[in-house]
Amino acid sequence: MQRVGSRRQVWNKTAKQTSGGLTRSELFQDKYGNLKSRKASKKAKKNKNLKKAGWTFKKGSFGAVRIEEKKKKGTKGKKRTKGRKSTKKRGKKQRGGGSCGSPPVDQGSR
């Protein structure tokens, strides 16, 4: 048995821990079969990461529901100005080979 391996190897008991130090007891499978960290999932739930990202739940329907735009419009933000941010002049792009405008040099006949 390996000492360090991937989450899948730890889950299948072919490795003792992940490179981050997670053991099998600290992992779980979600409904899609992906391996997750119990500790990280609990922290994300406690920090309300879904709500901060604009998702919530609705009573009577399954799954996450997007927070309405009406609630987001109430927050104050900076006004955007139209036009370019920088006033730097940009050079024209040259097309063609890498000759930089100089005429081709004759190599002579051999």
PDB file of N, CA and C in Angstrom:
ATOM      1  N   MET A   1       0.841  -1.186   0.000  1.00  0.00           N
ATOM      2  CA  MET A   1       0.000   0.000   0.000  1.00  0.00           C
ATOM      3  C   MET A   1       0.883   1.246   0.000  1.00  0.00           C
ATOM      4  N   GLN A   2       0.536   2.201  -0.878  1.00  0.00           N
ATOM      5  CA  GLN A   2       1.270   3.463  -0.930  1.00  0.00           C
ATOM      6  C   GLN A   2       0.938   4.312   0.285  1.00  0.00           C
ATOM      7  N   ARG A   3       1.864   5.191   0.622  1.00  0.00           N
ATOM      8  CA  ARG A   3       1.609   6.090   1.735  1.00  0.00           C
ATOM      9  C   ARG A   3       0.819   7.306   1.254  1.00  0.00           C
ATOM     10  N   VAL A   4       1.233   7.898   0.111  1.00  0.00           N
ATOM     11  CA  VAL A   4       0.569   9.090  -0.428  1.00  0.00           C
ATOM     12  C   VAL A   4      -0.016   8.755  -1.795  1.00  0.00           C
ATOM     13  N   GLY A   5      -1.240   9.188  -2.027  1.00  0.00           N
ATOM     14  CA  GLY A   5      -1.889   8.940  -3.311  1.00  0.00           C
ATOM     15  C   GLY A   5      -3.001   9.933  -3.554  1.00  0.00           C
ATOM     16  N   SER A   6      -3.764   9.693  -4.613  1.00  0.00           N
ATOM     17  CA  SER A   6      -4.887  10.575  -4.946  1.00  0.00           C
ATOM     18  C   SER A   6      -6.069  10.282  -4.021  1.00  0.00           C
ATOM     19  N   ARG A   7      -7.080  11.112  -4.092  1.00  0.00           N
ATOM     20  CA  ARG A   7      -8.285  10.890  -3.263  1.00  0.00           C
ATOM     21  C   ARG A   7      -8.929   9.548  -3.605  1.00  0.00           C
ATOM     22  N   ARG A   8      -8.940   9.216  -4.890  1.00  0.00           N
ATOM     23  CA  ARG A   8      -9.540   7.949  -5.315  1.00  0.00           C
ATOM     24  C   ARG A   8      -8.758   6.769  -4.760  1.00  0.00           C
ATOM     25  N   GLN A   9      -7.426   6.862  -4.757  1.00  0.00           N
ATOM     26  CA  GLN A   9      -6.602   5.786  -4.220  1.00  0.00           C
ATOM     27  C   GLN A   9      -6.827   5.635  -2.722  1.00  0.00           C
ATOM     28  N   VAL A  10      -6.981   6.728  -2.015  1.00  0.00           N
ATOM     29  CA  VAL A  10      -7.257   6.668  -0.575  1.00  0.00           C
ATOM     30  C   VAL A  10      -8.632   6.041  -0.349  1.00  0.00           C
ATOM     31  N   TRP A  11      -9.603   6.414  -1.175  1.00  0.00           N
ATOM     32  CA  TRP A  11     -10.964   5.876  -1.041  1.00  0.00           C
ATOM     33  C   TRP A  11     -10.982   4.362  -1.295  1.00  0.00           C
ATOM     34  N   ASN A  12     -10.182   3.898  -2.279  1.00  0.00           N
ATOM     35  CA  ASN A  12     -10.132   2.473  -2.614  1.00  0.00           C
ATOM     36  C   ASN A  12      -9.156   1.691  -1.740  1.00  0.00           C
ATOM     37  N   LYS A  13      -8.568   2.369  -0.764  1.00  0.00           N
ATOM     38  CA  LYS A  13      -7.652   1.768   0.214  1.00  0.00           C
ATOM     39  C   LYS A  13      -6.367   1.240  -0.419  1.00  0.00           C
ATOM     40  N   THR A  14      -5.902   1.881  -1.503  1.00  0.00           N
ATOM     41  CA  THR A  14      -4.610   1.529  -2.073  1.00  0.00           C
ATOM     42  C   THR A  14      -3.545   2.540  -1.647  1.00  0.00           C
ATOM     43  N   ALA A  15      -3.952   3.624  -0.948  1.00  0.00           N
ATOM     44  CA  ALA A  15      -3.021   4.592  -0.369  1.00  0.00           C
ATOM     45  C   ALA A  15      -3.557   4.999   0.997  1.00  0.00           C
ATOM     46  N   LYS A  16      -2.663   5.414   1.875  1.00  0.00           N
ATOM     47  CA  LYS A  16      -3.079   5.762   3.239  1.00  0.00           C
ATOM     48  C   LYS A  16      -3.641   7.168   3.339  1.00  0.00           C
ATOM     49  N   GLN A  17      -3.014   8.134   2.632  1.00  0.00           N
ATOM     50  CA  GLN A  17      -3.477   9.519   2.711  1.00  0.00           C
ATOM     51  C   GLN A  17      -3.164  10.255   1.418  1.00  0.00           C
ATOM     52  N   THR A  18      -3.808  11.421   1.245  1.00  0.00           N
ATOM     53  CA  THR A  18      -3.542  12.264   0.087  1.00  0.00           C
ATOM     54  C   THR A  18      -2.312  13.118   0.360  1.00  0.00           C
ATOM     55  N   SER A  19      -1.863  13.858  -0.642  1.00  0.00           N
ATOM     56  CA  SER A  19      -0.704  14.728  -0.451  1.00  0.00           C
ATOM     57  C   SER A  19      -1.015  15.849   0.537  1.00  0.00           C
ATOM     58  N   GLY A  20      -2.290  16.194   0.685  1.00  0.00           N
ATOM     59  CA  GLY A  20      -2.712  17.207   1.651  1.00  0.00           C
ATOM     60  C   GLY A  20      -2.949  16.650   3.038  1.00  0.00           C
ATOM     61  N   GLY A  21      -2.826  15.322   3.185  1.00  0.00           N
ATOM     62  CA  GLY A  21      -2.972  14.710   4.502  1.00  0.00           C
ATOM     63  C   GLY A  21      -4.361  14.171   4.822  1.00  0.00           C
ATOM     64  N   LEU A  22      -5.266  14.123   3.831  1.00  0.00           N
ATOM     65  CA  LEU A  22      -6.617  13.609   4.076  1.00  0.00           C
ATOM     66  C   LEU A  22      -6.593  12.086   4.129  1.00  0.00           C
ATOM     67  N   THR A  23      -7.263  11.514   5.126  1.00  0.00           N
ATOM     68  CA  THR A  23      -7.397  10.069   5.219  1.00  0.00           C
ATOM     69  C   THR A  23      -8.796   9.672   4.755  1.00  0.00           C
ATOM     70  N   ARG A  24      -9.071   8.390   4.722  1.00  0.00           N
ATOM     71  CA  ARG A  24     -10.355   7.913   4.198  1.00  0.00           C
ATOM     72  C   ARG A  24     -11.533   8.404   5.038  1.00  0.00           C
ATOM     73  N   SER A  25     -11.332   8.513   6.335  1.00  0.00           N
ATOM     74  CA  SER A  25     -12.425   8.949   7.214  1.00  0.00           C
ATOM     75  C   SER A  25     -12.777  10.421   6.994  1.00  0.00           C
ATOM     76  N   GLU A  26     -11.862  11.205   6.407  1.00  0.00           N
ATOM     77  CA  GLU A  26     -12.111  12.616   6.163  1.00  0.00           C
ATOM     78  C   GLU A  26     -12.681  12.885   4.766  1.00  0.00           C
ATOM     79  N   LEU A  27     -12.934  11.822   3.990  1.00  0.00           N
ATOM     80  CA  LEU A  27     -13.482  11.955   2.641  1.00  0.00           C
ATOM     81  C   LEU A  27     -14.896  11.404   2.584  1.00  0.00           C
ATOM     82  N   PHE A  28     -15.684  11.882   1.628  1.00  0.00           N
ATOM     83  CA  PHE A  28     -17.001  11.311   1.351  1.00  0.00           C
ATOM     84  C   PHE A  28     -17.309  11.491  -0.124  1.00  0.00           C
ATOM     85  N   GLN A  29     -18.266  10.732  -0.631  1.00  0.00           N
ATOM     86  CA  GLN A  29     -18.685  10.832  -2.025  1.00  0.00           C
ATOM     87  C   GLN A  29     -19.972  11.638  -2.111  1.00  0.00           C
ATOM     88  N   ASP A  30     -20.014  12.573  -3.073  1.00  0.00           N
ATOM     89  CA  ASP A  30     -21.259  13.291  -3.286  1.00  0.00           C
ATOM     90  C   ASP A  30     -22.182  12.462  -4.177  1.00  0.00           C
ATOM     91  N   LYS A  31     -23.337  13.020  -4.523  1.00  0.00           N
ATOM     92  CA  LYS A  31     -24.321  12.233  -5.267  1.00  0.00           C
ATOM     93  C   LYS A  31     -23.881  11.932  -6.693  1.00  0.00           C
ATOM     94  N   TYR A  32     -22.841  12.635  -7.188  1.00  0.00           N
ATOM     95  CA  TYR A  32     -22.328  12.377  -8.522  1.00  0.00           C
ATOM     96  C   TYR A  32     -21.149  11.411  -8.505  1.00  0.00           C
ATOM     97  N   GLY A  33     -20.716  10.994  -7.327  1.00  0.00           N
ATOM     98  CA  GLY A  33     -19.610  10.061  -7.209  1.00  0.00           C
ATOM     99  C   GLY A  33     -18.256  10.718  -7.052  1.00  0.00           C
ATOM    100  N   ASN A  34     -18.224  12.038  -6.939  1.00  0.00           N
ATOM    101  CA  ASN A  34     -16.960  12.749  -6.747  1.00  0.00           C
ATOM    102  C   ASN A  34     -16.563  12.721  -5.275  1.00  0.00           C
ATOM    103  N   LEU A  35     -15.280  12.621  -5.018  1.00  0.00           N
ATOM    104  CA  LEU A  35     -14.786  12.576  -3.647  1.00  0.00           C
ATOM    105  C   LEU A  35     -14.554  13.987  -3.134  1.00  0.00           C
ATOM    106  N   LYS A  36     -15.087  14.258  -1.951  1.00  0.00           N
ATOM    107  CA  LYS A  36     -14.987  15.577  -1.343  1.00  0.00           C
ATOM    108  C   LYS A  36     -14.427  15.465   0.064  1.00  0.00           C
ATOM    109  N   SER A  37     -13.935  16.590   0.562  1.00  0.00           N
ATOM    110  CA  SER A  37     -13.440  16.668   1.928  1.00  0.00           C
ATOM    111  C   SER A  37     -14.602  17.050   2.849  1.00  0.00           C
ATOM    112  N   ARG A  38     -14.779  16.319   3.923  1.00  0.00           N
ATOM    113  CA  ARG A  38     -15.856  16.637   4.868  1.00  0.00           C
ATOM    114  C   ARG A  38     -15.641  18.007   5.499  1.00  0.00           C
ATOM    115  N   LYS A  39     -14.404  18.275   5.885  1.00  0.00           N
ATOM    116  CA  LYS A  39     -14.077  19.527   6.563  1.00  0.00           C
ATOM    117  C   LYS A  39     -14.352  20.732   5.661  1.00  0.00           C
ATOM    118  N   ALA A  40     -13.907  20.662   4.405  1.00  0.00           N
ATOM    119  CA  ALA A  40     -14.097  21.779   3.468  1.00  0.00           C
ATOM    120  C   ALA A  40     -15.578  21.997   3.171  1.00  0.00           C
ATOM    121  N   SER A  41     -16.350  20.915   3.069  1.00  0.00           N
ATOM    122  CA  SER A  41     -17.778  21.040   2.783  1.00  0.00           C
ATOM    123  C   SER A  41     -18.519  21.692   3.942  1.00  0.00           C
ATOM    124  N   LYS A  42     -18.139  21.334   5.161  1.00  0.00           N
ATOM    125  CA  LYS A  42     -18.778  21.948   6.336  1.00  0.00           C
ATOM    126  C   LYS A  42     -18.441  23.433   6.427  1.00  0.00           C
ATOM    127  N   LYS A  43     -17.189  23.779   6.106  1.00  0.00           N
ATOM    128  CA  LYS A  43     -16.796  25.196   6.140  1.00  0.00           C
ATOM    129  C   LYS A  43     -17.547  25.993   5.087  1.00  0.00           C
ATOM    130  N   ALA A  44     -17.707  25.428   3.888  1.00  0.00           N
ATOM    131  CA  ALA A  44     -18.419  26.118   2.810  1.00  0.00           C
ATOM    132  C   ALA A  44     -19.882  26.345   3.192  1.00  0.00           C
ATOM    133  N   LYS A  45     -20.467  25.371   3.850  1.00  0.00           N
ATOM    134  CA  LYS A  45     -21.863  25.512   4.276  1.00  0.00           C
ATOM    135  C   LYS A  45     -21.979  26.577   5.366  1.00  0.00           C
ATOM    136  N   LYS A  46     -21.016  26.592   6.275  1.00  0.00           N
ATOM    137  CA  LYS A  46     -21.025  27.561   7.372  1.00  0.00           C
ATOM    138  C   LYS A  46     -20.819  28.987   6.857  1.00  0.00           C
ATOM    139  N   ASN A  47     -19.956  29.156   5.835  1.00  0.00           N
ATOM    140  CA  ASN A  47     -19.674  30.473   5.265  1.00  0.00           C
ATOM    141  C   ASN A  47     -20.758  30.948   4.311  1.00  0.00           C
ATOM    142  N   LYS A  48     -21.725  30.097   3.999  1.00  0.00           N
ATOM    143  CA  LYS A  48     -22.830  30.413   3.075  1.00  0.00           C
ATOM    144  C   LYS A  48     -22.293  30.808   1.702  1.00  0.00           C
ATOM    145  N   ASN A  49     -21.408  29.972   1.156  1.00  0.00           N
ATOM    146  CA  ASN A  49     -20.793  30.259  -0.145  1.00  0.00           C
ATOM    147  C   ASN A  49     -21.814  30.314  -1.276  1.00  0.00           C
ATOM    148  N   LEU A  50     -22.853  29.470  -1.232  1.00  0.00           N
ATOM    149  CA  LEU A  50     -23.864  29.482  -2.292  1.00  0.00           C
ATOM    150  C   LEU A  50     -24.641  30.793  -2.297  1.00  0.00           C
ATOM    151  N   LYS A  51     -24.979  31.276  -1.113  1.00  0.00           N
ATOM    152  CA  LYS A  51     -25.735  32.522  -1.025  1.00  0.00           C
ATOM    153  C   LYS A  51     -24.892  33.687  -1.532  1.00  0.00           C
ATOM    154  N   LYS A  52     -23.590  33.685  -1.215  1.00  0.00           N
ATOM    155  CA  LYS A  52     -22.707  34.748  -1.683  1.00  0.00           C
ATOM    156  C   LYS A  52     -22.540  34.708  -3.197  1.00  0.00           C
ATOM    157  N   ALA A  53     -22.640  33.518  -3.786  1.00  0.00           N
ATOM    158  CA  ALA A  53     -22.503  33.371  -5.233  1.00  0.00           C
ATOM    159  C   ALA A  53     -23.818  33.636  -5.968  1.00  0.00           C
ATOM    160  N   GLY A  54     -24.898  33.911  -5.225  1.00  0.00           N
ATOM    161  CA  GLY A  54     -26.155  34.278  -5.870  1.00  0.00           C
ATOM    162  C   GLY A  54     -27.163  33.149  -5.960  1.00  0.00           C
ATOM    163  N   TRP A  55     -27.040  32.128  -5.127  1.00  0.00           N
ATOM    164  CA  TRP A  55     -27.980  31.013  -5.131  1.00  0.00           C
ATOM    165  C   TRP A  55     -28.669  30.885  -3.787  1.00  0.00           C
ATOM    166  N   THR A  56     -29.912  30.400  -3.802  1.00  0.00           N
ATOM    167  CA  THR A  56     -30.664  30.161  -2.574  1.00  0.00           C
ATOM    168  C   THR A  56     -31.598  28.989  -2.818  1.00  0.00           C
ATOM    169  N   PHE A  57     -32.495  28.726  -1.897  1.00  0.00           N
ATOM    170  CA  PHE A  57     -33.470  27.653  -2.076  1.00  0.00           C
ATOM    171  C   PHE A  57     -34.870  28.242  -2.019  1.00  0.00           C
ATOM    172  N   LYS A  58     -35.826  27.513  -2.583  1.00  0.00           N
ATOM    173  CA  LYS A  58     -37.211  27.958  -2.577  1.00  0.00           C
ATOM    174  C   LYS A  58     -38.055  26.848  -1.993  1.00  0.00           C
ATOM    175  N   LYS A  59     -38.871  27.183  -1.040  1.00  0.00           N
ATOM    176  CA  LYS A  59     -39.701  26.182  -0.383  1.00  0.00           C
ATOM    177  C   LYS A  59     -40.676  25.578  -1.388  1.00  0.00           C
ATOM    178  N   GLY A  60     -40.719  24.276  -1.425  1.00  0.00           N
ATOM    179  CA  GLY A  60     -41.630  23.577  -2.320  1.00  0.00           C
ATOM    180  C   GLY A  60     -40.987  23.126  -3.615  1.00  0.00           C
ATOM    181  N   SER A  61     -39.748  23.521  -3.875  1.00  0.00           N
ATOM    182  CA  SER A  61     -39.061  23.058  -5.083  1.00  0.00           C
ATOM    183  C   SER A  61     -37.680  22.532  -4.703  1.00  0.00           C
ATOM    184  N   PHE A  62     -37.239  21.522  -5.440  1.00  0.00           N
ATOM    185  CA  PHE A  62     -35.957  20.892  -5.149  1.00  0.00           C
ATOM    186  C   PHE A  62     -34.834  21.629  -5.857  1.00  0.00           C
ATOM    187  N   GLY A  63     -33.665  21.639  -5.240  1.00  0.00           N
ATOM    188  CA  GLY A  63     -32.476  22.209  -5.856  1.00  0.00           C
ATOM    189  C   GLY A  63     -32.316  23.687  -5.583  1.00  0.00           C
ATOM    190  N   ALA A  64     -31.189  24.210  -6.029  1.00  0.00           N
ATOM    191  CA  ALA A  64     -30.871  25.621  -5.820  1.00  0.00           C
ATOM    192  C   ALA A  64     -31.588  26.486  -6.841  1.00  0.00           C
ATOM    193  N   VAL A  65     -31.941  27.695  -6.421  1.00  0.00           N
ATOM    194  CA  VAL A  65     -32.650  28.650  -7.270  1.00  0.00           C
ATOM    195  C   VAL A  65     -31.838  29.935  -7.291  1.00  0.00           C
ATOM    196  N   ARG A  66     -31.714  30.558  -8.455  1.00  0.00           N
ATOM    197  CA  ARG A  66     -30.961  31.800  -8.595  1.00  0.00           C
ATOM    198  C   ARG A  66     -31.679  32.927  -7.867  1.00  0.00           C
ATOM    199  N   ILE A  67     -30.929  33.771  -7.135  1.00  0.00           N
ATOM    200  CA  ILE A  67     -31.521  34.917  -6.455  1.00  0.00           C
ATOM    201  C   ILE A  67     -31.966  35.922  -7.516  1.00  0.00           C
ATOM    202  N   GLU A  68     -33.132  36.515  -7.318  1.00  0.00           N
ATOM    203  CA  GLU A  68     -33.716  37.416  -8.317  1.00  0.00           C
ATOM    204  C   GLU A  68     -32.869  38.660  -8.504  1.00  0.00           C
ATOM    205  N   GLU A  69     -32.960  39.228  -9.693  1.00  0.00           N
ATOM    206  CA  GLU A  69     -32.182  40.418 -10.034  1.00  0.00           C
ATOM    207  C   GLU A  69     -32.644  41.640  -9.244  1.00  0.00           C
ATOM    208  N   LYS A  70     -33.906  41.654  -8.812  1.00  0.00           N
ATOM    209  CA  LYS A  70     -34.439  42.799  -8.078  1.00  0.00           C
ATOM    210  C   LYS A  70     -33.655  43.041  -6.796  1.00  0.00           C
ATOM    211  N   LYS A  71     -33.282  41.977  -6.133  1.00  0.00           N
ATOM    212  CA  LYS A  71     -32.553  42.108  -4.883  1.00  0.00           C
ATOM    213  C   LYS A  71     -31.148  42.625  -5.120  1.00  0.00           C
ATOM    214  N   LYS A  72     -30.546  42.268  -6.256  1.00  0.00           N
ATOM    215  CA  LYS A  72     -29.178  42.692  -6.549  1.00  0.00           C
ATOM    216  C   LYS A  72     -29.111  44.169  -6.934  1.00  0.00           C
ATOM    217  N   LYS A  73     -30.173  44.727  -7.520  1.00  0.00           N
ATOM    218  CA  LYS A  73     -30.155  46.109  -7.979  1.00  0.00           C
ATOM    219  C   LYS A  73     -30.118  47.090  -6.817  1.00  0.00           C
ATOM    220  N   GLY A  74     -30.500  46.684  -5.648  1.00  0.00           N
ATOM    221  CA  GLY A  74     -30.525  47.565  -4.488  1.00  0.00           C
ATOM    222  C   GLY A  74     -29.142  47.913  -3.974  1.00  0.00           C
ATOM    223  N   THR A  75     -28.122  47.150  -4.341  1.00  0.00           N
ATOM    224  CA  THR A  75     -26.777  47.420  -3.853  1.00  0.00           C
ATOM    225  C   THR A  75     -26.164  48.565  -4.640  1.00  0.00           C
ATOM    226  N   LYS A  76     -25.405  49.404  -3.960  1.00  0.00           N
ATOM    227  CA  LYS A  76     -24.771  50.547  -4.611  1.00  0.00           C
ATOM    228  C   LYS A  76     -23.434  50.113  -5.185  1.00  0.00           C
ATOM    229  N   GLY A  77     -23.114  50.617  -6.361  1.00  0.00           N
ATOM    230  CA  GLY A  77     -21.860  50.277  -7.010  1.00  0.00           C
ATOM    231  C   GLY A  77     -21.321  51.472  -7.768  1.00  0.00           C
ATOM    232  N   LYS A  78     -20.131  51.334  -8.296  1.00  0.00           N
ATOM    233  CA  LYS A  78     -19.516  52.408  -9.058  1.00  0.00           C
ATOM    234  C   LYS A  78     -20.153  52.485 -10.442  1.00  0.00           C
ATOM    235  N   LYS A  79     -20.301  53.712 -10.939  1.00  0.00           N
ATOM    236  CA  LYS A  79     -20.831  53.892 -12.287  1.00  0.00           C
ATOM    237  C   LYS A  79     -19.706  53.703 -13.279  1.00  0.00           C
ATOM    238  N   ARG A  80     -20.005  53.059 -14.370  1.00  0.00           N
ATOM    239  CA  ARG A  80     -19.004  52.849 -15.407  1.00  0.00           C
ATOM    240  C   ARG A  80     -19.065  53.981 -16.413  1.00  0.00           C
ATOM    241  N   THR A  81     -17.913  54.424 -16.851  1.00  0.00           N
ATOM    242  CA  THR A  81     -17.868  55.451 -17.880  1.00  0.00           C
ATOM    243  C   THR A  81     -17.619  54.783 -19.222  1.00  0.00           C
ATOM    244  N   LYS A  82     -18.235  55.318 -20.232  1.00  0.00           N
ATOM    245  CA  LYS A  82     -18.065  54.752 -21.559  1.00  0.00           C
ATOM    246  C   LYS A  82     -16.763  55.265 -22.160  1.00  0.00           C
ATOM    247  N   GLY A  83     -16.163  54.476 -23.003  1.00  0.00           N
ATOM    248  CA  GLY A  83     -14.941  54.884 -23.672  1.00  0.00           C
ATOM    249  C   GLY A  83     -13.755  54.066 -23.187  1.00  0.00           C
ATOM    250  N   ARG A  84     -12.588  54.432 -23.681  1.00  0.00           N
ATOM    251  CA  ARG A  84     -11.369  53.713 -23.332  1.00  0.00           C
ATOM    252  C   ARG A  84     -10.849  54.164 -21.982  1.00  0.00           C
ATOM    253  N   LYS A  85     -10.201  53.242 -21.305  1.00  0.00           N
ATOM    254  CA  LYS A  85      -9.608  53.570 -20.008  1.00  0.00           C
ATOM    255  C   LYS A  85      -8.299  54.331 -20.192  1.00  0.00           C
ATOM    256  N   SER A  86      -7.422  53.847 -21.067  1.00  0.00           N
ATOM    257  CA  SER A  86      -6.111  54.463 -21.220  1.00  0.00           C
ATOM    258  C   SER A  86      -6.106  55.393 -22.424  1.00  0.00           C
ATOM    259  N   THR A  87      -5.235  56.385 -22.361  1.00  0.00           N
ATOM    260  CA  THR A  87      -5.135  57.335 -23.464  1.00  0.00           C
ATOM    261  C   THR A  87      -3.879  57.090 -24.283  1.00  0.00           C
ATOM    262  N   LYS A  88      -3.220  55.951 -24.075  1.00  0.00           N
ATOM    263  CA  LYS A  88      -2.011  55.618 -24.818  1.00  0.00           C
ATOM    264  C   LYS A  88      -2.347  55.390 -26.288  1.00  0.00           C
ATOM    265  N   LYS A  89      -1.448  55.866 -27.174  1.00  0.00           N
ATOM    266  CA  LYS A  89      -1.637  55.613 -28.600  1.00  0.00           C
ATOM    267  C   LYS A  89      -1.014  54.272 -28.932  1.00  0.00           C
ATOM    268  N   ARG A  90      -1.723  53.524 -29.696  1.00  0.00           N
ATOM    269  CA  ARG A  90      -1.240  52.200 -30.070  1.00  0.00           C
ATOM    270  C   ARG A  90      -0.709  52.250 -31.497  1.00  0.00           C
ATOM    271  N   GLY A  91       0.399  51.576 -31.727  1.00  0.00           N
ATOM    272  CA  GLY A  91       0.990  51.530 -33.056  1.00  0.00           C
ATOM    273  C   GLY A  91       0.192  50.640 -33.985  1.00  0.00           C
ATOM    274  N   LYS A  92       0.381  50.855 -35.292  1.00  0.00           N
ATOM    275  CA  LYS A  92      -0.311  50.046 -36.284  1.00  0.00           C
ATOM    276  C   LYS A  92       0.341  48.685 -36.375  1.00  0.00           C
ATOM    277  N   LYS A  93      -0.447  47.658 -36.518  1.00  0.00           N
ATOM    278  CA  LYS A  93       0.099  46.316 -36.698  1.00  0.00           C
ATOM    279  C   LYS A  93       0.612  46.176 -38.118  1.00  0.00           C
ATOM    280  N   GLN A  94       1.803  45.640 -38.258  1.00  0.00           N
ATOM    281  CA  GLN A  94       2.348  45.411 -39.590  1.00  0.00           C
ATOM    282  C   GLN A  94       2.034  44.001 -40.016  1.00  0.00           C
ATOM    283  N   ARG A  95       1.617  43.878 -41.241  1.00  0.00           N
ATOM    284  CA  ARG A  95       1.278  42.561 -41.759  1.00  0.00           C
ATOM    285  C   ARG A  95       2.387  42.070 -42.672  1.00  0.00           C
ATOM    286  N   GLY A  96       2.370  40.795 -42.901  1.00  0.00           N
ATOM    287  CA  GLY A  96       3.354  40.216 -43.807  1.00  0.00           C
ATOM    288  C   GLY A  96       4.479  39.558 -43.034  1.00  0.00           C
ATOM    289  N   GLY A  97       5.581  39.300 -43.715  1.00  0.00           N
ATOM    290  CA  GLY A  97       6.716  38.621 -43.112  1.00  0.00           C
ATOM    291  C   GLY A  97       7.444  39.504 -42.126  1.00  0.00           C
ATOM    292  N   GLY A  98       8.544  39.017 -41.600  1.00  0.00           N
ATOM    293  CA  GLY A  98       9.306  39.747 -40.616  1.00  0.00           C
ATOM    294  C   GLY A  98      10.316  40.687 -41.239  1.00  0.00           C
ATOM    295  N   SER A  99      10.013  41.258 -42.397  1.00  0.00           N
ATOM    296  CA  SER A  99      10.977  42.094 -43.104  1.00  0.00           C
ATOM    297  C   SER A  99      11.025  43.512 -42.544  1.00  0.00           C
ATOM    298  N   CYS A 100      10.043  43.932 -41.806  1.00  0.00           N
ATOM    299  CA  CYS A 100       9.962  45.266 -41.202  1.00  0.00           C
ATOM    300  C   CYS A 100      10.052  46.376 -42.226  1.00  0.00           C
ATOM    301  N   GLY A 101       9.560  46.178 -43.424  1.00  0.00           N
ATOM    302  CA  GLY A 101       9.498  47.227 -44.417  1.00  0.00           C
ATOM    303  C   GLY A 101      10.737  47.363 -45.285  1.00  0.00           C
ATOM    304  N   SER A 102      11.793  46.647 -44.972  1.00  0.00           N
ATOM    305  CA  SER A 102      13.002  46.759 -45.779  1.00  0.00           C
ATOM    306  C   SER A 102      12.878  45.851 -47.005  1.00  0.00           C
ATOM    307  N   PRO A 103      13.490  46.244 -48.122  1.00  0.00           N
ATOM    308  CA  PRO A 103      13.392  45.421 -49.332  1.00  0.00           C
ATOM    309  C   PRO A 103      14.161  44.123 -49.166  1.00  0.00           C
ATOM    310  N   PRO A 104      13.780  43.063 -49.898  1.00  0.00           N
ATOM    311  CA  PRO A 104      14.477  41.787 -49.769  1.00  0.00           C
ATOM    312  C   PRO A 104      15.923  41.910 -50.249  1.00  0.00           C
ATOM    313  N   VAL A 105      16.826  41.218 -49.553  1.00  0.00           N
ATOM    314  CA  VAL A 105      18.254  41.277 -49.869  1.00  0.00           C
ATOM    315  C   VAL A 105      18.569  40.163 -50.871  1.00  0.00           C
ATOM    316  N   ASP A 106      19.314  40.507 -51.926  1.00  0.00           N
ATOM    317  CA  ASP A 106      19.685  39.546 -52.946  1.00  0.00           C
ATOM    318  C   ASP A 106      20.864  38.716 -52.438  1.00  0.00           C
ATOM    319  N   GLN A 107      20.724  37.391 -52.425  1.00  0.00           N
ATOM    320  CA  GLN A 107      21.764  36.508 -51.913  1.00  0.00           C
ATOM    321  C   GLN A 107      22.850  36.233 -52.965  1.00  0.00           C
ATOM    322  N   GLY A 108      22.580  36.540 -54.181  1.00  0.00           N
ATOM    323  CA  GLY A 108      23.533  36.260 -55.249  1.00  0.00           C
ATOM    324  C   GLY A 108      23.296  34.872 -55.814  1.00  0.00           C
ATOM    325  N   SER A 109      23.778  34.599 -56.989  1.00  0.00           N
ATOM    326  CA  SER A 109      23.559  33.284 -57.601  1.00  0.00           C
ATOM    327  C   SER A 109      24.738  32.378 -57.304  1.00  0.00           C
ATOM    328  N   ARG A 110      24.489  31.115 -57.102  1.00  0.00           N
ATOM    329  CA  ARG A 110      25.542  30.150 -56.809  1.00  0.00           C
ATOM    330  C   ARG A 110      25.639  29.121 -57.872  1.00  0.00           C
TER     331      ARG A 110
END
